[in-house]
Amino acid sequence: NYWRAFPDLRFQVISTLIESNRIVILWTGEGTHLGTIMNIPATGHNVQVRGVSILEIEHGLVVRGQYIWDLAGMLRHMGLLPELQPTQSI
């Protein structure tokens, strides 16, 4: 679904951490919203998203994965959520 919605989707690894049988990957993704995703029709906007993947490896294979990503940030890039306003100190 993501490849159809963002045909030019590309990822960049920002950093990785390997400990025992776990790998943590901090990444960014970027692409042009040209197809429907989550019932949202194409906006034509360039979309950026940040995320973290936590992978558990056994015998050289990924056996478990957790993927945490900034959905609200992606929706902001699509123009569907307002930009966050900085808070004012009292």
PDB file of N, CA and C in Angstrom:
ATOM      1  N   ASN A   1       0.815  -1.209   0.000  1.00  0.00           N
ATOM      2  CA  ASN A   1       0.000   0.000   0.000  1.00  0.00           C
ATOM      3  C   ASN A   1       0.856   1.270   0.000  1.00  0.00           C
ATOM      4  N   TYR A   2       1.933   1.256   0.789  1.00  0.00           N
ATOM      5  CA  TYR A   2       2.782   2.451   0.859  1.00  0.00           C
ATOM      6  C   TYR A   2       3.509   2.697  -0.454  1.00  0.00           C
ATOM      7  N   TRP A   3       3.951   1.643  -1.128  1.00  0.00           N
ATOM      8  CA  TRP A   3       4.653   1.829  -2.399  1.00  0.00           C
ATOM      9  C   TRP A   3       3.709   2.371  -3.468  1.00  0.00           C
ATOM     10  N   ARG A   4       2.432   1.986  -3.435  1.00  0.00           N
ATOM     11  CA  ARG A   4       1.461   2.535  -4.397  1.00  0.00           C
ATOM     12  C   ARG A   4       1.161   3.996  -4.092  1.00  0.00           C
ATOM     13  N   ALA A   5       1.070   4.339  -2.814  1.00  0.00           N
ATOM     14  CA  ALA A   5       0.758   5.722  -2.428  1.00  0.00           C
ATOM     15  C   ALA A   5       1.956   6.653  -2.607  1.00  0.00           C
ATOM     16  N   PHE A   6       3.161   6.112  -2.417  1.00  0.00           N
ATOM     17  CA  PHE A   6       4.389   6.901  -2.525  1.00  0.00           C
ATOM     18  C   PHE A   6       5.363   6.154  -3.455  1.00  0.00           C
ATOM     19  N   PRO A   7       5.155   6.209  -4.764  1.00  0.00           N
ATOM     20  CA  PRO A   7       5.961   5.399  -5.679  1.00  0.00           C
ATOM     21  C   PRO A   7       7.450   5.735  -5.655  1.00  0.00           C
ATOM     22  N   ASP A   8       7.809   6.929  -5.212  1.00  0.00           N
ATOM     23  CA  ASP A   8       9.228   7.309  -5.135  1.00  0.00           C
ATOM     24  C   ASP A   8       9.755   7.221  -3.695  1.00  0.00           C
ATOM     25  N   LEU A   9       9.085   6.448  -2.858  1.00  0.00           N
ATOM     26  CA  LEU A   9       9.448   6.329  -1.447  1.00  0.00           C
ATOM     27  C   LEU A   9      10.896   5.865  -1.292  1.00  0.00           C
ATOM     28  N   ARG A  10      11.626   6.572  -0.458  1.00  0.00           N
ATOM     29  CA  ARG A  10      13.005   6.183  -0.154  1.00  0.00           C
ATOM     30  C   ARG A  10      13.259   6.387   1.334  1.00  0.00           C
ATOM     31  N   PHE A  11      14.136   5.572   1.873  1.00  0.00           N
ATOM     32  CA  PHE A  11      14.464   5.611   3.294  1.00  0.00           C
ATOM     33  C   PHE A  11      15.936   5.927   3.480  1.00  0.00           C
ATOM     34  N   GLN A  12      16.229   6.583   4.592  1.00  0.00           N
ATOM     35  CA  GLN A  12      17.609   6.851   4.972  1.00  0.00           C
ATOM     36  C   GLN A  12      17.789   6.419   6.419  1.00  0.00           C
ATOM     37  N   VAL A  13      18.798   5.619   6.673  1.00  0.00           N
ATOM     38  CA  VAL A  13      19.111   5.204   8.038  1.00  0.00           C
ATOM     39  C   VAL A  13      19.913   6.321   8.690  1.00  0.00           C
ATOM     40  N   ILE A  14      19.434   6.796   9.826  1.00  0.00           N
ATOM     41  CA  ILE A  14      20.107   7.857  10.568  1.00  0.00           C
ATOM     42  C   ILE A  14      21.129   7.259  11.529  1.00  0.00           C
ATOM     43  N   SER A  15      20.710   6.230  12.261  1.00  0.00           N
ATOM     44  CA  SER A  15      21.646   5.551  13.162  1.00  0.00           C
ATOM     45  C   SER A  15      21.120   4.159  13.480  1.00  0.00           C
ATOM     46  N   THR A  16      22.041   3.310  13.920  1.00  0.00           N
ATOM     47  CA  THR A  16      21.682   1.957  14.321  1.00  0.00           C
ATOM     48  C   THR A  16      22.368   1.632  15.642  1.00  0.00           C
ATOM     49  N   LEU A  17      21.731   0.760  16.387  1.00  0.00           N
ATOM     50  CA  LEU A  17      22.284   0.251  17.637  1.00  0.00           C
ATOM     51  C   LEU A  17      22.063  -1.253  17.638  1.00  0.00           C
ATOM     52  N   ILE A  18      23.133  -1.997  17.843  1.00  0.00           N
ATOM     53  CA  ILE A  18      23.040  -3.458  17.879  1.00  0.00           C
ATOM     54  C   ILE A  18      23.469  -3.917  19.258  1.00  0.00           C
ATOM     55  N   GLU A  19      22.610  -4.686  19.889  1.00  0.00           N
ATOM     56  CA  GLU A  19      22.912  -5.232  21.211  1.00  0.00           C
ATOM     57  C   GLU A  19      22.332  -6.633  21.282  1.00  0.00           C
ATOM     58  N   SER A  20      23.196  -7.594  21.526  1.00  0.00           N
ATOM     59  CA  SER A  20      22.778  -8.990  21.618  1.00  0.00           C
ATOM     60  C   SER A  20      22.054  -9.374  20.328  1.00  0.00           C
ATOM     61  N   ASN A  21      20.794  -9.777  20.427  1.00  0.00           N
ATOM     62  CA  ASN A  21      20.050 -10.189  19.232  1.00  0.00           C
ATOM     63  C   ASN A  21      19.040  -9.126  18.786  1.00  0.00           C
ATOM     64  N   ARG A  22      19.240  -7.869  19.199  1.00  0.00           N
ATOM     65  CA  ARG A  22      18.334  -6.779  18.815  1.00  0.00           C
ATOM     66  C   ARG A  22      19.068  -5.718  18.014  1.00  0.00           C
ATOM     67  N   ILE A  23      18.354  -5.183  17.046  1.00  0.00           N
ATOM     68  CA  ILE A  23      18.849  -4.067  16.238  1.00  0.00           C
ATOM     69  C   ILE A  23      17.804  -2.958  16.322  1.00  0.00           C
ATOM     70  N   VAL A  24      18.256  -1.752  16.636  1.00  0.00           N
ATOM     71  CA  VAL A  24      17.381  -0.583  16.662  1.00  0.00           C
ATOM     72  C   VAL A  24      17.851   0.349  15.547  1.00  0.00           C
ATOM     73  N   ILE A  25      16.935   0.722  14.690  1.00  0.00           N
ATOM     74  CA  ILE A  25      17.252   1.550  13.531  1.00  0.00           C
ATOM     75  C   ILE A  25      16.418   2.826  13.593  1.00  0.00           C
ATOM     76  N   LEU A  26      17.086   3.973  13.624  1.00  0.00           N
ATOM     77  CA  LEU A  26      16.423   5.273  13.520  1.00  0.00           C
ATOM     78  C   LEU A  26      16.480   5.673  12.058  1.00  0.00           C
ATOM     79  N   TRP A  27      15.332   5.980  11.457  1.00  0.00           N
ATOM     80  CA  TRP A  27      15.267   6.226  10.024  1.00  0.00           C
ATOM     81  C   TRP A  27      14.344   7.391   9.687  1.00  0.00           C
ATOM     82  N   THR A  28      14.482   7.877   8.460  1.00  0.00           N
ATOM     83  CA  THR A  28      13.533   8.825   7.880  1.00  0.00           C
ATOM     84  C   THR A  28      13.088   8.263   6.534  1.00  0.00           C
ATOM     85  N   GLY A  29      11.874   8.584   6.168  1.00  0.00           N
ATOM     86  CA  GLY A  29      11.341   8.210   4.867  1.00  0.00           C
ATOM     87  C   GLY A  29      10.819   9.451   4.172  1.00  0.00           C
ATOM     88  N   GLU A  30      10.889   9.451   2.849  1.00  0.00           N
ATOM     89  CA  GLU A  30      10.411  10.604   2.087  1.00  0.00           C
ATOM     90  C   GLU A  30       9.875  10.126   0.752  1.00  0.00           C
ATOM     91  N   GLY A  31       8.779  10.730   0.322  1.00  0.00           N
ATOM     92  CA  GLY A  31       8.208  10.398  -0.970  1.00  0.00           C
ATOM     93  C   GLY A  31       7.082  11.358  -1.324  1.00  0.00           C
ATOM     94  N   THR A  32       6.598  11.250  -2.548  1.00  0.00           N
ATOM     95  CA  THR A  32       5.521  12.096  -3.038  1.00  0.00           C
ATOM     96  C   THR A  32       4.209  11.333  -2.933  1.00  0.00           C
ATOM     97  N   HIS A  33       3.216  11.945  -2.303  1.00  0.00           N
ATOM     98  CA  HIS A  33       1.922  11.304  -2.070  1.00  0.00           C
ATOM     99  C   HIS A  33       1.102  11.325  -3.363  1.00  0.00           C
ATOM    100  N   LEU A  34       1.204  10.238  -4.144  1.00  0.00           N
ATOM    101  CA  LEU A  34       0.553  10.168  -5.461  1.00  0.00           C
ATOM    102  C   LEU A  34      -0.565   9.142  -5.551  1.00  0.00           C
ATOM    103  N   GLY A  35      -0.842   8.438  -4.447  1.00  0.00           N
ATOM    104  CA  GLY A  35      -1.899   7.432  -4.451  1.00  0.00           C
ATOM    105  C   GLY A  35      -2.609   7.409  -3.110  1.00  0.00           C
ATOM    106  N   THR A  36      -3.728   6.711  -3.057  1.00  0.00           N
ATOM    107  CA  THR A  36      -4.531   6.656  -1.832  1.00  0.00           C
ATOM    108  C   THR A  36      -3.837   5.815  -0.766  1.00  0.00           C
ATOM    109  N   ILE A  37      -3.828   6.332   0.462  1.00  0.00           N
ATOM    110  CA  ILE A  37      -3.308   5.600   1.625  1.00  0.00           C
ATOM    111  C   ILE A  37      -4.209   5.932   2.819  1.00  0.00           C
ATOM    112  N   MET A  38      -4.591   4.934   3.573  1.00  0.00           N
ATOM    113  CA  MET A  38      -5.468   5.109   4.749  1.00  0.00           C
ATOM    114  C   MET A  38      -6.738   5.886   4.367  1.00  0.00           C
ATOM    115  N   ASN A  39      -7.276   5.592   3.198  1.00  0.00           N
ATOM    116  CA  ASN A  39      -8.461   6.279   2.658  1.00  0.00           C
ATOM    117  C   ASN A  39      -8.237   7.768   2.402  1.00  0.00           C
ATOM    118  N   ILE A  40      -6.988   8.187   2.291  1.00  0.00           N
ATOM    119  CA  ILE A  40      -6.652   9.581   2.000  1.00  0.00           C
ATOM    120  C   ILE A  40      -6.223   9.648   0.533  1.00  0.00           C
ATOM    121  N   PRO A  41      -6.985  10.367  -0.300  1.00  0.00           N
ATOM    122  CA  PRO A  41      -6.608  10.465  -1.713  1.00  0.00           C
ATOM    123  C   PRO A  41      -5.297  11.235  -1.884  1.00  0.00           C
ATOM    124  N   ALA A  42      -4.649  11.033  -3.001  1.00  0.00           N
ATOM    125  CA  ALA A  42      -3.361  11.676  -3.291  1.00  0.00           C
ATOM    126  C   ALA A  42      -3.450  13.185  -3.134  1.00  0.00           C
ATOM    127  N   THR A  43      -2.426  13.753  -2.491  1.00  0.00           N
ATOM    128  CA  THR A  43      -2.349  15.209  -2.315  1.00  0.00           C
ATOM    129  C   THR A  43      -1.276  15.819  -3.209  1.00  0.00           C
ATOM    130  N   GLY A  44      -0.360  14.997  -3.710  1.00  0.00           N
ATOM    131  CA  GLY A  44       0.748  15.518  -4.506  1.00  0.00           C
ATOM    132  C   GLY A  44       1.852  16.135  -3.661  1.00  0.00           C
ATOM    133  N   HIS A  45       1.690  16.131  -2.343  1.00  0.00           N
ATOM    134  CA  HIS A  45       2.682  16.734  -1.455  1.00  0.00           C
ATOM    135  C   HIS A  45       3.888  15.816  -1.257  1.00  0.00           C
ATOM    136  N   ASN A  46       5.054  16.445  -1.093  1.00  0.00           N
ATOM    137  CA  ASN A  46       6.245  15.711  -0.670  1.00  0.00           C
ATOM    138  C   ASN A  46       6.088  15.453   0.827  1.00  0.00           C
ATOM    139  N   VAL A  47       6.194  14.210   1.230  1.00  0.00           N
ATOM    140  CA  VAL A  47       5.920  13.807   2.607  1.00  0.00           C
ATOM    141  C   VAL A  47       7.191  13.250   3.226  1.00  0.00           C
ATOM    142  N   GLN A  48       7.441  13.658   4.456  1.00  0.00           N
ATOM    143  CA  GLN A  48       8.563  13.136   5.220  1.00  0.00           C
ATOM    144  C   GLN A  48       8.025  12.521   6.492  1.00  0.00           C
ATOM    145  N   VAL A  49       8.660  11.441   6.936  1.00  0.00           N
ATOM    146  CA  VAL A  49       8.242  10.773   8.162  1.00  0.00           C
ATOM    147  C   VAL A  49       9.489  10.244   8.864  1.00  0.00           C
ATOM    148  N   ARG A  50       9.455  10.277  10.196  1.00  0.00           N
ATOM    149  CA  ARG A  50      10.555   9.736  10.995  1.00  0.00           C
ATOM    150  C   ARG A  50      10.059   8.510  11.741  1.00  0.00           C
ATOM    151  N   GLY A  51      10.958   7.585  11.998  1.00  0.00           N
ATOM    152  CA  GLY A  51      10.547   6.393  12.720  1.00  0.00           C
ATOM    153  C   GLY A  51      11.710   5.627  13.314  1.00  0.00           C
ATOM    154  N   VAL A  52      11.333   4.605  14.083  1.00  0.00           N
ATOM    155  CA  VAL A  52      12.288   3.699  14.719  1.00  0.00           C
ATOM    156  C   VAL A  52      11.789   2.281  14.469  1.00  0.00           C
ATOM    157  N   SER A  53      12.702   1.404  14.080  1.00  0.00           N
ATOM    158  CA  SER A  53      12.387  -0.016  13.940  1.00  0.00           C
ATOM    159  C   SER A  53      13.234  -0.781  14.945  1.00  0.00           C
ATOM    160  N   ILE A  54      12.592  -1.692  15.664  1.00  0.00           N
ATOM    161  CA  ILE A  54      13.283  -2.545  16.636  1.00  0.00           C
ATOM    162  C   ILE A  54      13.104  -3.980  16.149  1.00  0.00           C
ATOM    163  N   LEU A  55      14.196  -4.596  15.794  1.00  0.00           N
ATOM    164  CA  LEU A  55      14.156  -5.936  15.214  1.00  0.00           C
ATOM    165  C   LEU A  55      14.834  -6.932  16.148  1.00  0.00           C
ATOM    166  N   GLU A  56      14.227  -8.089  16.292  1.00  0.00           N
ATOM    167  CA  GLU A  56      14.817  -9.176  17.063  1.00  0.00           C
ATOM    168  C   GLU A  56      15.239 -10.266  16.074  1.00  0.00           C
ATOM    169  N   ILE A  57      16.498 -10.686  16.191  1.00  0.00           N
ATOM    170  CA  ILE A  57      17.096 -11.617  15.236  1.00  0.00           C
ATOM    171  C   ILE A  57      17.347 -12.969  15.914  1.00  0.00           C
ATOM    172  N   GLU A  58      16.972 -14.048  15.231  1.00  0.00           N
ATOM    173  CA  GLU A  58      17.307 -15.404  15.678  1.00  0.00           C
ATOM    174  C   GLU A  58      17.774 -16.198  14.469  1.00  0.00           C
ATOM    175  N   HIS A  59      18.934 -16.810  14.575  1.00  0.00           N
ATOM    176  CA  HIS A  59      19.502 -17.632  13.502  1.00  0.00           C
ATOM    177  C   HIS A  59      19.576 -16.860  12.184  1.00  0.00           C
ATOM    178  N   GLY A  60      19.909 -15.575  12.276  1.00  0.00           N
ATOM    179  CA  GLY A  60      20.075 -14.755  11.083  1.00  0.00           C
ATOM    180  C   GLY A  60      18.792 -14.255  10.454  1.00  0.00           C
ATOM    181  N   LEU A  61      17.652 -14.496  11.091  1.00  0.00           N
ATOM    182  CA  LEU A  61      16.356 -14.065  10.551  1.00  0.00           C
ATOM    183  C   LEU A  61      15.650 -13.127  11.519  1.00  0.00           C
ATOM    184  N   VAL A  62      14.908 -12.189  10.973  1.00  0.00           N
ATOM    185  CA  VAL A  62      14.079 -11.316  11.809  1.00  0.00           C
ATOM    186  C   VAL A  62      12.872 -12.126  12.266  1.00  0.00           C
ATOM    187  N   VAL A  63      12.726 -12.280  13.590  1.00  0.00           N
ATOM    188  CA  VAL A  63      11.601 -13.056  14.124  1.00  0.00           C
ATOM    189  C   VAL A  63      10.539 -12.161  14.760  1.00  0.00           C
ATOM    190  N   ARG A  64      10.901 -10.922  15.040  1.00  0.00           N
ATOM    191  CA  ARG A  64       9.956  -9.996  15.633  1.00  0.00           C
ATOM    192  C   ARG A  64      10.359  -8.585  15.250  1.00  0.00           C
ATOM    193  N   GLY A  65       9.386  -7.764  14.971  1.00  0.00           N
ATOM    194  CA  GLY A  65       9.674  -6.374  14.637  1.00  0.00           C
ATOM    195  C   GLY A  65       8.648  -5.441  15.235  1.00  0.00           C
ATOM    196  N   GLN A  66       9.128  -4.324  15.744  1.00  0.00           N
ATOM    197  CA  GLN A  66       8.251  -3.242  16.205  1.00  0.00           C
ATOM    198  C   GLN A  66       8.619  -2.005  15.394  1.00  0.00           C
ATOM    199  N   TYR A  67       7.608  -1.295  14.922  1.00  0.00           N
ATOM    200  CA  TYR A  67       7.828  -0.145  14.060  1.00  0.00           C
ATOM    201  C   TYR A  67       7.041   1.026  14.622  1.00  0.00           C
ATOM    202  N   ILE A  68       7.761   2.054  14.994  1.00  0.00           N
ATOM    203  CA  ILE A  68       7.146   3.240  15.600  1.00  0.00           C
ATOM    204  C   ILE A  68       7.470   4.404  14.669  1.00  0.00           C
ATOM    205  N   TRP A  69       6.417   5.096  14.209  1.00  0.00           N
ATOM    206  CA  TRP A  69       6.661   6.188  13.287  1.00  0.00           C
ATOM    207  C   TRP A  69       5.690   7.333  13.558  1.00  0.00           C
ATOM    208  N   ASP A  70       6.072   8.502  13.085  1.00  0.00           N
ATOM    209  CA  ASP A  70       5.371   9.745  13.370  1.00  0.00           C
ATOM    210  C   ASP A  70       4.229   9.963  12.368  1.00  0.00           C
ATOM    211  N   LEU A  71       3.091   9.336  12.643  1.00  0.00           N
ATOM    212  CA  LEU A  71       1.924   9.463  11.761  1.00  0.00           C
ATOM    213  C   LEU A  71       1.429  10.904  11.709  1.00  0.00           C
ATOM    214  N   ALA A  72       1.381  11.584  12.853  1.00  0.00           N
ATOM    215  CA  ALA A  72       0.907  12.977  12.866  1.00  0.00           C
ATOM    216  C   ALA A  72       1.810  13.857  12.005  1.00  0.00           C
ATOM    217  N   GLY A  73       3.116  13.633  12.074  1.00  0.00           N
ATOM    218  CA  GLY A  73       4.039  14.407  11.242  1.00  0.00           C
ATOM    219  C   GLY A  73       3.796  14.156   9.767  1.00  0.00           C
ATOM    220  N   MET A  74       3.535  12.889   9.402  1.00  0.00           N
ATOM    221  CA  MET A  74       3.245  12.561   8.012  1.00  0.00           C
ATOM    222  C   MET A  74       1.969  13.275   7.556  1.00  0.00           C
ATOM    223  N   LEU A  75       0.939  13.273   8.398  1.00  0.00           N
ATOM    224  CA  LEU A  75      -0.320  13.946   8.050  1.00  0.00           C
ATOM    225  C   LEU A  75      -0.127  15.453   7.924  1.00  0.00           C
ATOM    226  N   ARG A  76       0.768  16.029   8.725  1.00  0.00           N
ATOM    227  CA  ARG A  76       1.074  17.461   8.593  1.00  0.00           C
ATOM    228  C   ARG A  76       1.692  17.742   7.227  1.00  0.00           C
ATOM    229  N   HIS A  77       2.607  16.894   6.784  1.00  0.00           N
ATOM    230  CA  HIS A  77       3.236  17.078   5.472  1.00  0.00           C
ATOM    231  C   HIS A  77       2.220  16.940   4.346  1.00  0.00           C
ATOM    232  N   MET A  78       1.162  16.160   4.566  1.00  0.00           N
ATOM    233  CA  MET A  78       0.110  16.011   3.559  1.00  0.00           C
ATOM    234  C   MET A  78      -0.847  17.214   3.568  1.00  0.00           C
ATOM    235  N   GLY A  79      -0.703  18.080   4.568  1.00  0.00           N
ATOM    236  CA  GLY A  79      -1.587  19.230   4.691  1.00  0.00           C
ATOM    237  C   GLY A  79      -2.892  18.907   5.399  1.00  0.00           C
ATOM    238  N   LEU A  80      -2.942  17.792   6.140  1.00  0.00           N
ATOM    239  CA  LEU A  80      -4.181  17.347   6.776  1.00  0.00           C
ATOM    240  C   LEU A  80      -4.247  17.671   8.263  1.00  0.00           C
ATOM    241  N   LEU A  81      -3.143  18.078   8.849  1.00  0.00           N
ATOM    242  CA  LEU A  81      -3.113  18.515  10.244  1.00  0.00           C
ATOM    243  C   LEU A  81      -2.391  19.854  10.302  1.00  0.00           C
ATOM    244  N   PRO A  82      -2.784  20.722  11.215  1.00  0.00           N
ATOM    245  CA  PRO A  82      -2.102  22.008  11.311  1.00  0.00           C
ATOM    246  C   PRO A  82      -0.686  21.843  11.877  1.00  0.00           C
ATOM    247  N   GLU A  83       0.179  22.778  11.544  1.00  0.00           N
ATOM    248  CA  GLU A  83       1.520  22.791  12.118  1.00  0.00           C
ATOM    249  C   GLU A  83       1.412  23.047  13.614  1.00  0.00           C
ATOM    250  N   LEU A  84       2.322  22.485  14.368  1.00  0.00           N
ATOM    251  CA  LEU A  84       2.358  22.716  15.808  1.00  0.00           C
ATOM    252  C   LEU A  84       2.861  24.119  16.067  1.00  0.00           C
ATOM    253  N   GLN A  85       2.256  24.774  17.009  1.00  0.00           N
ATOM    254  CA  GLN A  85       2.667  26.111  17.396  1.00  0.00           C
ATOM    255  C   GLN A  85       3.568  25.998  18.624  1.00  0.00           C
ATOM    256  N   PRO A  86       4.674  26.763  18.658  1.00  0.00           N
ATOM    257  CA  PRO A  86       5.540  26.696  19.827  1.00  0.00           C
ATOM    258  C   PRO A  86       4.790  27.193  21.058  1.00  0.00           C
ATOM    259  N   THR A  87       5.072  26.572  22.187  1.00  0.00           N
ATOM    260  CA  THR A  87       4.435  27.001  23.428  1.00  0.00           C
ATOM    261  C   THR A  87       5.151  28.227  23.955  1.00  0.00           C
ATOM    262  N   GLN A  88       4.398  29.075  24.639  1.00  0.00           N
ATOM    263  CA  GLN A  88       4.979  30.290  25.212  1.00  0.00           C
ATOM    264  C   GLN A  88       5.219  30.050  26.695  1.00  0.00           C
ATOM    265  N   SER A  89       6.384  30.467  27.145  1.00  0.00           N
ATOM    266  CA  SER A  89       6.671  30.313  28.571  1.00  0.00           C
ATOM    267  C   SER A  89       5.943  31.407  29.360  1.00  0.00           C
ATOM    268  N   ILE A  90       5.633  31.085  30.569  1.00  0.00           N
ATOM    269  CA  ILE A  90       4.868  32.017  31.418  1.00  0.00           C
ATOM    270  C   ILE A  90       5.804  32.902  32.187  1.00  0.00           C
TER     271      ILE A  90
END
